[in-house]
Amino acid sequence: MKNFLCPLIALFLTACTPSDTWLRHTECLITGTIPGDAPEEVLLSLPGTRSEYSTKIPVREGRFEYLLRTDTLRIYELLVPTGTGSFLCTRFIPEPEGVRIECTGSDPDNRQLRLLAQGPINREWTETLREKEQRFGARFDSIIDIEDRLYRENRLYNDTYNEVIRRLNEPADQHALPYLYKQLNHMRLTGSGYTDEGQRLHQTLQTLYEEQAVWLQEQIARRPSLASFCRLMEQIDQEQMAGRDFSRWLAIYDRAFADRYPAHPYHEQVEHARKSLKTGIGGRYIDFTLPDTEGRPTTLSAVIDGKIALLDLWASWCRPCRLRSRNTIPIYEKYRSRGFVVVGVAREFKNDRAWRTALEHDAYPWLNLLEMDDSTKLWEQYGLSSAAGQTYLIDRDGTILAINPMADELERLLREKL
C-alpha cells in the first residue's frame, strides 16, 4: 500500500499483557538514514504536537541519531519533511532495544518510511501491520490511483469546490477566509464537493475504510493489549479530526480497557473525548478556569452564565481564526450594550509573546484568556486536539446554539435572542 502522510499511517506498536506496566524509565536510541537530498532535520514528538514545538534532530550526511528518555510507554512519531511542505510519518513506542528508521528513495517527493523493529514491542506490531497491508493495501492503492487520475483530469471535484479553492488562493479574498474555510470543510464532510463520478469513488473509498475499521475493531477487542490501547486512541483521534462519530470506539474502550493500565494518560484523553461528544449544538459548554492578560484566574461560567455569549477558541498562529475574530468585533460593539459577551481563549505554546502581539495588533475589545501548553487540555475536551480553534454561541442557560457561526448567522441569532 502506498505511503500515507500522518495521521493516516498506522502505528508501529505491539502488545503487552495487562500485568505489564506502562510506566517505566526507558532510554531508546532512535537512528535512521535518508538517501539522496536529505532534509536538514527530522522531527520527533507526541502525536498532535505542532512541528515548530517538536524536538529537532539534525541530519548529517544522510544519517540521524537521538536518545529519547521517557517514563511513559505511549506513542511517539517521527516526521521527515518532503519537498512539498508536508511530512512523512512513522510512529512507535520507545523500547530499550531502540528503533531504526529507513527512508527509501532519493526523491523527497517519492519517499517511504520503514521501521526496522529491533525490540519485541515494535517487532510484534509490524507483523500485524503486514497483515493489514495484505488485506487492504492493494485495494486502497487502486482507488487512490483512480482518484489521482480524476484529479489530474479535473473530474474529481465540482465547480463549486474548485471556485472555493480558487478564492482561498486569491489575496483579495483574505477577509472572506473564515466563510470559505467553513464552506470547504462542509463540502469535505458531506462529500458535496465531488462530481458525480468523484462521489461514486468517494463512496467506494468510504466503504473500504469501514471494512478496515471493522477488522481493526475485531483485532483490538480480541487482544486488549497496551498496543491495542494505543491503536484505539489513534482511531478516536482520527475520527474526531474527521468530524465523525466515534462512539463505537468508546464502547470498545469501556469493554476492554477502562480497568486496564491504571493512571495511563490515555484514560484522561478518553474521558475528554467522551465529554466532547456533548459539545455539539444543543449540548452544554464545558466550564474552565484560565488566566487573563494580567494573570488573574478567570472562570468562564462566572462571566457568561445568564448571558448570550460567544466562546472564541483561537491561536496567534491561526490566520483564519484571527480573521473570524476580527470580523466579530463590529457585531460585539453593536450588541454588547444588550448583554452580549465574548470570551476569547488562545492556545499558545512555550511563551505568551505571540499571543500578546496578536492581541495588540487585532485589538479584541473583550475578555481574553490564555491556555498555555495545553495546561487544562481545553482543546482536547472540546474535541479539537489537532485544531487551532472554533467558536461556540452559548445561550443564557448554557446551551450551545451554534458552532462557528459566520458574521451574518451570528447577527441573526443575536437579533432573535436579544
Protein backbone atom coordinates (compact mmCIF):
# COMPACT_ATOMS: atom_id res chain seq x y z
CA MET A 1 0.00 0.00 0.00
CA LYS A 2 1.27 3.46 -0.80
CA ASN A 3 2.88 5.63 1.84
CA PHE A 4 0.37 7.95 3.57
CA LEU A 5 1.11 11.13 5.47
CA CYS A 6 0.21 11.42 9.17
CA PRO A 7 -2.18 10.81 10.75
CA LEU A 8 -3.28 8.03 8.37
CA ILE A 9 -0.12 5.97 8.78
CA ALA A 10 -0.65 3.09 11.18
CA LEU A 11 1.15 2.84 14.49
CA PHE A 12 4.23 0.74 14.94
CA LEU A 13 3.38 -0.82 18.28
CA THR A 14 2.74 -4.19 19.83
CA ALA A 15 1.06 -5.98 22.68
CA CYS A 16 1.74 -6.10 26.37
CA THR A 17 -0.21 -8.17 28.86
CA PRO A 18 -2.38 -6.33 31.43
CA SER A 19 0.24 -7.09 34.09
CA ASP A 20 2.94 -5.27 32.13
CA THR A 21 3.47 -1.76 33.41
CA TRP A 22 3.21 1.19 31.05
CA LEU A 23 5.23 3.33 33.45
CA ARG A 24 8.91 2.52 33.07
CA HIS A 25 12.04 4.55 32.56
CA THR A 26 13.27 3.92 29.04
CA GLU A 27 16.23 5.13 27.05
CA CYS A 28 15.50 4.50 23.40
CA LEU A 29 18.14 5.16 20.75
CA ILE A 30 16.50 6.32 17.53
CA THR A 31 18.65 6.04 14.41
CA GLY A 32 17.84 6.45 10.75
CA THR A 33 19.08 7.02 7.23
CA ILE A 34 17.81 9.28 4.44
CA PRO A 35 19.39 8.82 0.99
CA GLY A 36 19.79 11.47 -1.67
CA ASP A 37 18.62 15.02 -1.00
CA ALA A 38 18.16 14.77 2.79
CA PRO A 39 16.47 17.48 4.90
CA GLU A 40 18.50 19.35 7.49
CA GLU A 41 16.50 17.84 10.31
CA VAL A 42 13.73 15.41 11.26
CA LEU A 43 11.16 16.00 13.98
CA LEU A 44 10.25 13.88 17.00
CA SER A 45 7.13 14.48 19.08
CA LEU A 46 3.98 13.14 20.62
CA PRO A 47 1.12 13.00 18.08
CA GLY A 48 -0.69 16.29 17.61
CA THR A 49 2.29 18.48 18.51
CA ARG A 50 2.83 21.42 16.18
CA SER A 51 6.00 20.96 14.16
CA GLU A 52 7.69 24.11 15.49
CA TYR A 53 7.46 22.70 19.02
CA SER A 54 8.79 19.23 18.18
CA THR A 55 12.28 18.01 19.06
CA LYS A 56 14.52 18.75 16.09
CA ILE A 57 17.05 16.05 15.26
CA PRO A 58 19.83 17.13 12.86
CA VAL A 59 20.56 15.05 9.77
CA ARG A 60 24.24 14.79 8.89
CA GLU A 61 25.41 13.07 5.72
CA GLY A 62 22.06 11.33 5.39
CA ARG A 63 22.01 9.97 8.96
CA PHE A 64 20.34 10.96 12.21
CA GLU A 65 20.52 9.73 15.81
CA TYR A 66 18.75 10.71 19.02
CA LEU A 67 18.49 9.22 22.52
CA LEU A 68 14.89 9.52 23.73
CA ARG A 69 14.41 9.33 27.50
CA THR A 70 10.87 8.77 28.72
CA ASP A 71 8.97 7.25 31.64
CA THR A 72 5.75 6.51 29.73
CA LEU A 73 5.08 3.79 27.18
CA ARG A 74 3.00 5.70 24.67
CA ILE A 75 3.05 6.68 21.03
CA TYR A 76 5.78 8.86 19.59
CA GLU A 77 6.09 9.90 15.98
CA LEU A 78 8.99 10.82 13.76
CA LEU A 79 8.39 13.25 10.89
CA VAL A 80 10.54 13.59 7.78
CA PRO A 81 9.94 16.74 5.67
CA THR A 82 9.10 16.22 2.00
CA GLY A 83 9.72 18.59 -0.88
CA THR A 84 6.11 19.80 -0.81
CA GLY A 85 5.96 21.23 2.71
CA SER A 86 4.29 18.17 4.22
CA PHE A 87 5.76 15.29 6.23
CA LEU A 88 6.19 11.56 6.08
CA CYS A 89 5.44 9.98 9.42
CA THR A 90 6.13 6.79 11.32
CA ARG A 91 5.01 6.01 14.86
CA PHE A 92 6.43 3.76 17.54
CA ILE A 93 6.68 3.05 21.25
CA PRO A 94 10.16 3.64 22.72
CA GLU A 95 11.99 0.45 23.74
CA PRO A 96 15.43 -0.11 25.29
CA GLU A 97 16.40 -2.04 22.16
CA GLY A 98 15.96 1.18 20.18
CA VAL A 99 14.26 1.83 16.86
CA ARG A 100 15.76 2.21 13.43
CA ILE A 101 14.03 4.04 10.63
CA GLU A 102 14.95 3.87 6.97
CA CYS A 103 13.76 6.39 4.42
CA THR A 104 13.75 4.77 0.99
CA GLY A 105 14.08 6.72 -2.25
CA SER A 106 16.31 9.69 -3.03
CA ASP A 107 13.48 11.92 -4.35
CA PRO A 108 11.95 13.88 -1.43
CA ASP A 109 8.52 13.74 -3.09
CA ASN A 110 8.51 9.95 -3.53
CA ARG A 111 9.97 8.56 -0.35
CA GLN A 112 8.65 5.96 2.04
CA LEU A 113 9.47 5.31 5.67
CA ARG A 114 10.19 1.86 7.04
CA LEU A 115 10.56 0.93 10.69
CA LEU A 116 13.12 -1.79 11.37
CA ALA A 117 11.73 -3.20 14.59
CA GLN A 118 14.56 -4.02 16.99
CA GLY A 119 12.55 -4.67 20.17
CA PRO A 120 9.67 -7.06 20.86
CA ILE A 121 7.03 -4.34 21.07
CA ASN A 122 7.62 -2.79 17.66
CA ARG A 123 8.55 -6.14 16.12
CA GLU A 124 5.23 -7.73 17.02
CA TRP A 125 3.27 -4.76 15.76
CA THR A 126 4.92 -4.79 12.35
CA GLU A 127 3.57 -8.31 11.91
CA THR A 128 0.02 -7.03 12.50
CA LEU A 129 0.68 -4.14 10.15
CA ARG A 130 1.82 -6.57 7.49
CA GLU A 131 -1.49 -8.45 7.74
CA LYS A 132 -3.38 -5.18 7.40
CA GLU A 133 -1.36 -4.34 4.32
CA GLN A 134 -2.06 -7.71 2.77
CA ARG A 135 -5.79 -7.41 3.37
CA PHE A 136 -6.37 -3.83 2.28
CA GLY A 137 -3.26 -2.30 0.69
CA ALA A 138 -3.79 -3.18 -2.96
CA ARG A 139 -7.45 -2.17 -2.84
CA PHE A 140 -6.64 1.24 -1.37
CA ASP A 141 -3.90 1.73 -3.98
CA SER A 142 -6.32 1.01 -6.80
CA ILE A 143 -8.83 3.58 -5.56
CA ILE A 144 -6.14 6.20 -4.98
CA ASP A 145 -4.76 5.69 -8.48
CA ILE A 146 -8.21 6.39 -9.91
CA GLU A 147 -8.61 9.40 -7.62
CA ASP A 148 -5.26 10.81 -8.79
CA ARG A 149 -6.26 10.39 -12.42
CA LEU A 150 -9.63 12.08 -11.93
CA TYR A 151 -7.93 14.95 -10.14
CA ARG A 152 -5.42 15.46 -12.94
CA GLU A 153 -8.26 15.41 -15.48
CA ASN A 154 -10.29 17.89 -13.40
CA ARG A 155 -13.07 15.33 -12.94
CA LEU A 156 -12.86 14.73 -9.19
CA TYR A 157 -14.26 17.96 -7.71
CA ASN A 158 -17.20 20.03 -8.94
CA ASP A 159 -17.20 23.69 -9.97
CA THR A 160 -18.38 24.91 -6.56
CA TYR A 161 -15.47 23.23 -4.78
CA ASN A 162 -12.95 24.47 -7.35
CA GLU A 163 -14.27 28.01 -7.01
CA VAL A 164 -13.80 27.93 -3.23
CA ILE A 165 -10.22 26.73 -3.69
CA ARG A 166 -9.58 29.48 -6.23
CA ARG A 167 -10.88 32.16 -3.87
CA LEU A 168 -8.83 30.79 -0.99
CA ASN A 169 -5.71 31.38 -3.06
CA GLU A 170 -6.56 34.96 -4.02
CA PRO A 171 -5.25 37.76 -1.77
CA ALA A 172 -8.33 39.86 -2.48
CA ASP A 173 -10.46 37.34 -0.60
CA GLN A 174 -8.47 37.29 2.64
CA HIS A 175 -11.31 38.71 4.74
CA ALA A 176 -13.64 36.03 3.39
CA LEU A 177 -11.33 33.23 4.56
CA PRO A 178 -13.49 32.16 7.55
CA TYR A 179 -16.51 31.76 5.28
CA LEU A 180 -14.53 29.89 2.65
CA TYR A 181 -12.88 27.52 5.12
CA LYS A 182 -16.25 26.73 6.66
CA GLN A 183 -17.74 26.07 3.23
CA LEU A 184 -14.79 23.88 2.27
CA ASN A 185 -15.00 21.90 5.50
CA HIS A 186 -18.72 21.34 4.97
CA MET A 187 -18.15 20.02 1.45
CA ARG A 188 -15.43 17.67 2.66
CA LEU A 189 -17.57 16.31 5.49
CA THR A 190 -20.66 15.81 3.36
CA GLY A 191 -18.96 14.86 0.09
CA SER A 192 -20.88 17.62 -1.70
CA GLY A 193 -17.71 18.96 -3.33
CA TYR A 194 -17.34 15.96 -5.64
CA THR A 195 -18.57 15.48 -9.17
CA ASP A 196 -20.97 12.55 -9.65
CA GLU A 197 -18.01 10.43 -10.71
CA GLY A 198 -15.96 11.62 -7.77
CA GLN A 199 -18.86 10.97 -5.39
CA ARG A 200 -19.10 7.34 -6.51
CA LEU A 201 -15.38 6.88 -5.97
CA HIS A 202 -15.62 8.58 -2.58
CA GLN A 203 -18.35 6.16 -1.52
CA THR A 204 -16.22 3.21 -2.63
CA LEU A 205 -13.34 4.53 -0.56
CA GLN A 206 -15.56 5.06 2.49
CA THR A 207 -16.88 1.52 2.19
CA LEU A 208 -13.34 0.18 2.21
CA TYR A 209 -12.41 2.37 5.18
CA GLU A 210 -15.41 0.95 7.04
CA GLU A 211 -14.38 -2.61 6.25
CA GLN A 212 -10.88 -1.87 7.54
CA ALA A 213 -12.28 -0.23 10.68
CA VAL A 214 -14.41 -3.29 11.47
CA TRP A 215 -11.36 -5.50 11.05
CA LEU A 216 -9.32 -3.27 13.34
CA GLN A 217 -12.07 -3.26 15.97
CA GLU A 218 -12.02 -7.04 15.96
CA GLN A 219 -8.24 -7.08 16.41
CA ILE A 220 -8.37 -4.61 19.30
CA ALA A 221 -11.24 -6.33 21.08
CA ARG A 222 -9.71 -9.79 20.62
CA ARG A 223 -6.41 -8.79 22.22
CA PRO A 224 -6.78 -5.87 24.66
CA SER A 225 -3.07 -5.13 24.97
CA LEU A 226 -1.24 -1.88 25.55
CA ALA A 227 -0.57 -1.76 21.82
CA SER A 228 -4.28 -2.16 21.13
CA PHE A 229 -4.98 0.63 23.61
CA CYS A 230 -2.65 2.87 21.62
CA ARG A 231 -4.30 1.90 18.34
CA LEU A 232 -7.69 2.65 19.86
CA MET A 233 -6.54 6.11 20.90
CA GLU A 234 -5.31 6.86 17.40
CA GLN A 235 -8.66 5.80 15.93
CA ILE A 236 -10.55 8.06 18.33
CA ASP A 237 -8.27 10.95 17.42
CA GLN A 238 -8.68 10.34 13.69
CA GLU A 239 -12.47 10.13 13.96
CA GLN A 240 -12.54 13.39 15.91
CA MET A 241 -10.37 15.11 13.32
CA ALA A 242 -12.66 13.92 10.53
CA GLY A 243 -15.79 15.05 12.37
CA ARG A 244 -17.17 11.51 12.54
CA ASP A 245 -18.97 9.74 15.36
CA PHE A 246 -16.51 7.66 17.39
CA SER A 247 -18.98 6.18 19.89
CA ARG A 248 -18.24 2.61 18.76
CA TRP A 249 -14.57 3.08 19.62
CA LEU A 250 -15.53 4.35 23.08
CA ALA A 251 -17.64 1.23 23.52
CA ILE A 252 -14.55 -0.91 22.91
CA TYR A 253 -12.67 1.14 25.49
CA ASP A 254 -15.44 0.62 28.04
CA ARG A 255 -15.47 -3.14 27.49
CA ALA A 256 -11.76 -3.83 27.21
CA PHE A 257 -9.61 -1.02 28.59
CA ALA A 258 -11.42 1.01 31.25
CA ASP A 259 -9.89 -1.09 34.04
CA ARG A 260 -6.51 -1.78 32.42
CA TYR A 261 -3.26 0.18 32.74
CA PRO A 262 -4.39 2.35 35.68
CA ALA A 263 -3.43 6.04 35.54
CA HIS A 264 -2.17 5.85 31.96
CA PRO A 265 -2.60 9.33 30.40
CA TYR A 266 -4.77 7.83 27.66
CA HIS A 267 -7.58 7.28 30.20
CA GLU A 268 -7.88 11.03 30.71
CA GLN A 269 -7.78 11.54 26.95
CA VAL A 270 -10.67 9.09 26.51
CA GLU A 271 -12.77 10.93 29.07
CA HIS A 272 -12.08 14.24 27.37
CA ALA A 273 -13.13 12.70 24.07
CA ARG A 274 -16.32 11.44 25.70
CA LYS A 275 -17.08 14.91 27.06
CA SER A 276 -16.51 16.45 23.64
CA LEU A 277 -19.44 14.45 22.25
CA LYS A 278 -21.70 16.65 24.36
CA THR A 279 -20.38 19.94 22.99
CA GLY A 280 -22.39 19.89 19.79
CA ILE A 281 -25.34 22.13 19.05
CA GLY A 282 -27.92 21.54 21.77
CA GLY A 283 -25.28 20.37 24.23
CA ARG A 284 -23.69 22.36 27.02
CA TYR A 285 -20.40 24.20 27.16
CA ILE A 286 -17.53 22.85 29.25
CA ASP A 287 -16.51 25.16 32.06
CA PHE A 288 -12.88 26.03 32.82
CA THR A 289 -10.61 28.46 34.67
CA LEU A 290 -7.70 30.16 32.91
CA PRO A 291 -5.62 33.33 33.43
CA ASP A 292 -6.46 36.63 31.77
CA THR A 293 -3.92 39.10 30.39
CA GLU A 294 -2.98 40.12 33.94
CA GLY A 295 -2.56 36.54 35.10
CA ARG A 296 -5.78 36.55 37.16
CA PRO A 297 -7.61 33.18 37.19
CA THR A 298 -10.98 33.58 35.48
CA THR A 299 -13.79 31.02 35.38
CA LEU A 300 -15.90 31.02 32.23
CA SER A 301 -19.21 30.35 34.00
CA ALA A 302 -18.69 33.33 36.28
CA VAL A 303 -18.50 35.56 33.21
CA ILE A 304 -21.19 34.17 30.91
CA ASP A 305 -23.92 32.50 32.99
CA GLY A 306 -27.28 34.13 32.30
CA LYS A 307 -25.95 35.88 29.19
CA ILE A 308 -25.73 35.27 25.45
CA ALA A 309 -22.04 34.60 24.92
CA LEU A 310 -19.59 33.69 22.21
CA LEU A 311 -16.70 31.48 23.27
CA ASP A 312 -13.88 32.11 20.80
CA LEU A 313 -11.12 29.47 20.83
CA TRP A 314 -8.26 30.72 18.68
CA ALA A 315 -4.47 30.89 18.37
CA SER A 316 -1.99 33.57 17.38
CA TRP A 317 -0.70 31.26 14.61
CA CYS A 318 -4.16 30.61 13.11
CA ARG A 319 -4.87 33.21 10.42
CA PRO A 320 -8.48 32.10 9.71
CA CYS A 321 -9.21 32.19 13.45
CA ARG A 322 -7.95 35.72 13.78
CA LEU A 323 -9.81 36.93 10.69
CA ARG A 324 -13.00 35.42 12.08
CA SER A 325 -12.40 37.12 15.42
CA ARG A 326 -11.77 40.50 13.78
CA ASN A 327 -14.98 40.10 11.79
CA THR A 328 -16.78 39.64 15.11
CA ILE A 329 -15.64 42.96 16.58
CA PRO A 330 -18.29 45.20 14.94
CA ILE A 331 -21.02 42.74 15.93
CA TYR A 332 -19.78 42.72 19.50
CA GLU A 333 -19.72 46.52 19.62
CA LYS A 334 -23.27 46.62 18.25
CA TYR A 335 -24.77 44.16 20.77
CA ARG A 336 -22.60 44.46 23.89
CA SER A 337 -24.93 47.04 25.43
CA ARG A 338 -27.73 44.46 25.20
CA GLY A 339 -25.75 41.94 27.21
CA PHE A 340 -23.79 40.10 24.52
CA VAL A 341 -20.48 38.76 25.87
CA VAL A 342 -17.43 37.43 24.05
CA VAL A 343 -14.64 35.48 25.76
CA GLY A 344 -11.53 34.71 23.74
CA VAL A 345 -9.18 31.86 24.67
CA ALA A 346 -5.87 31.49 22.86
CA ARG A 347 -3.96 28.21 22.53
CA GLU A 348 -0.27 29.03 22.77
CA PHE A 349 2.97 27.16 23.42
CA LYS A 350 6.20 27.86 25.32
CA ASN A 351 5.57 31.58 25.89
CA ASP A 352 2.89 34.24 25.54
CA ARG A 353 4.78 36.72 23.33
CA ALA A 354 2.95 35.86 20.10
CA TRP A 355 -0.39 35.99 21.96
CA ARG A 356 0.27 39.46 23.34
CA THR A 357 1.48 40.68 19.96
CA ALA A 358 -1.69 39.36 18.33
CA LEU A 359 -3.90 40.99 20.97
CA GLU A 360 -2.19 44.33 20.42
CA HIS A 361 -2.44 44.05 16.64
CA ASP A 362 -6.03 42.78 16.43
CA ALA A 363 -7.35 44.84 19.37
CA TYR A 364 -10.05 42.46 20.58
CA PRO A 365 -12.24 44.51 22.95
CA TRP A 366 -13.42 41.54 25.06
CA LEU A 367 -12.03 39.37 27.84
CA ASN A 368 -9.02 37.35 26.68
CA LEU A 369 -7.73 34.22 28.43
CA LEU A 370 -4.71 32.03 27.80
CA GLU A 371 -4.33 28.24 27.51
CA MET A 372 -0.57 27.74 27.69
CA ASP A 373 0.94 24.40 26.62
CA ASP A 374 -2.49 22.71 26.79
CA SER A 375 -2.36 23.06 30.58
CA THR A 376 -6.07 22.26 31.08
CA LYS A 377 -6.45 20.12 27.93
CA LEU A 378 -9.25 22.50 26.93
CA TRP A 379 -8.93 21.86 23.20
CA GLU A 380 -8.95 18.12 23.88
CA GLN A 381 -12.11 18.47 25.98
CA TYR A 382 -13.85 20.24 23.11
CA GLY A 383 -12.67 17.60 20.63
CA LEU A 384 -10.21 19.93 18.94
CA SER A 385 -6.87 18.31 19.77
CA SER A 386 -5.42 18.87 16.31
CA ALA A 387 -7.26 22.11 15.54
CA ALA A 388 -6.37 25.72 16.13
CA GLY A 389 -9.78 26.93 17.18
CA GLN A 390 -13.55 27.11 16.98
CA THR A 391 -16.35 29.39 18.17
CA TYR A 392 -19.46 28.50 20.19
CA LEU A 393 -22.52 30.71 20.60
CA ILE A 394 -23.95 29.92 24.04
CA ASP A 395 -27.46 30.64 25.31
CA ARG A 396 -28.28 32.07 28.73
CA ASP A 397 -28.82 28.60 30.18
CA GLY A 398 -25.50 27.24 28.86
CA THR A 399 -26.90 25.50 25.78
CA ILE A 400 -24.78 25.70 22.64
CA LEU A 401 -26.79 27.48 19.95
CA ALA A 402 -24.29 27.44 17.07
CA ILE A 403 -20.75 26.33 16.26
CA ASN A 404 -18.53 28.52 14.08
CA PRO A 405 -21.36 30.87 13.09
CA MET A 406 -20.36 33.30 10.38
CA ALA A 407 -20.98 37.03 10.93
CA ASP A 408 -24.41 37.08 9.24
CA GLU A 409 -25.61 33.98 11.10
CA LEU A 410 -24.25 35.29 14.39
CA GLU A 411 -26.04 38.62 13.99
CA ARG A 412 -29.30 36.89 13.02
CA LEU A 413 -29.18 34.75 16.16
CA LEU A 414 -28.35 37.75 18.33
CA ARG A 415 -31.32 39.67 16.94
CA GLU A 416 -33.55 36.74 17.85
CA LYS A 417 -32.15 36.33 21.34
CA LEU A 418 -31.55 39.95 22.34
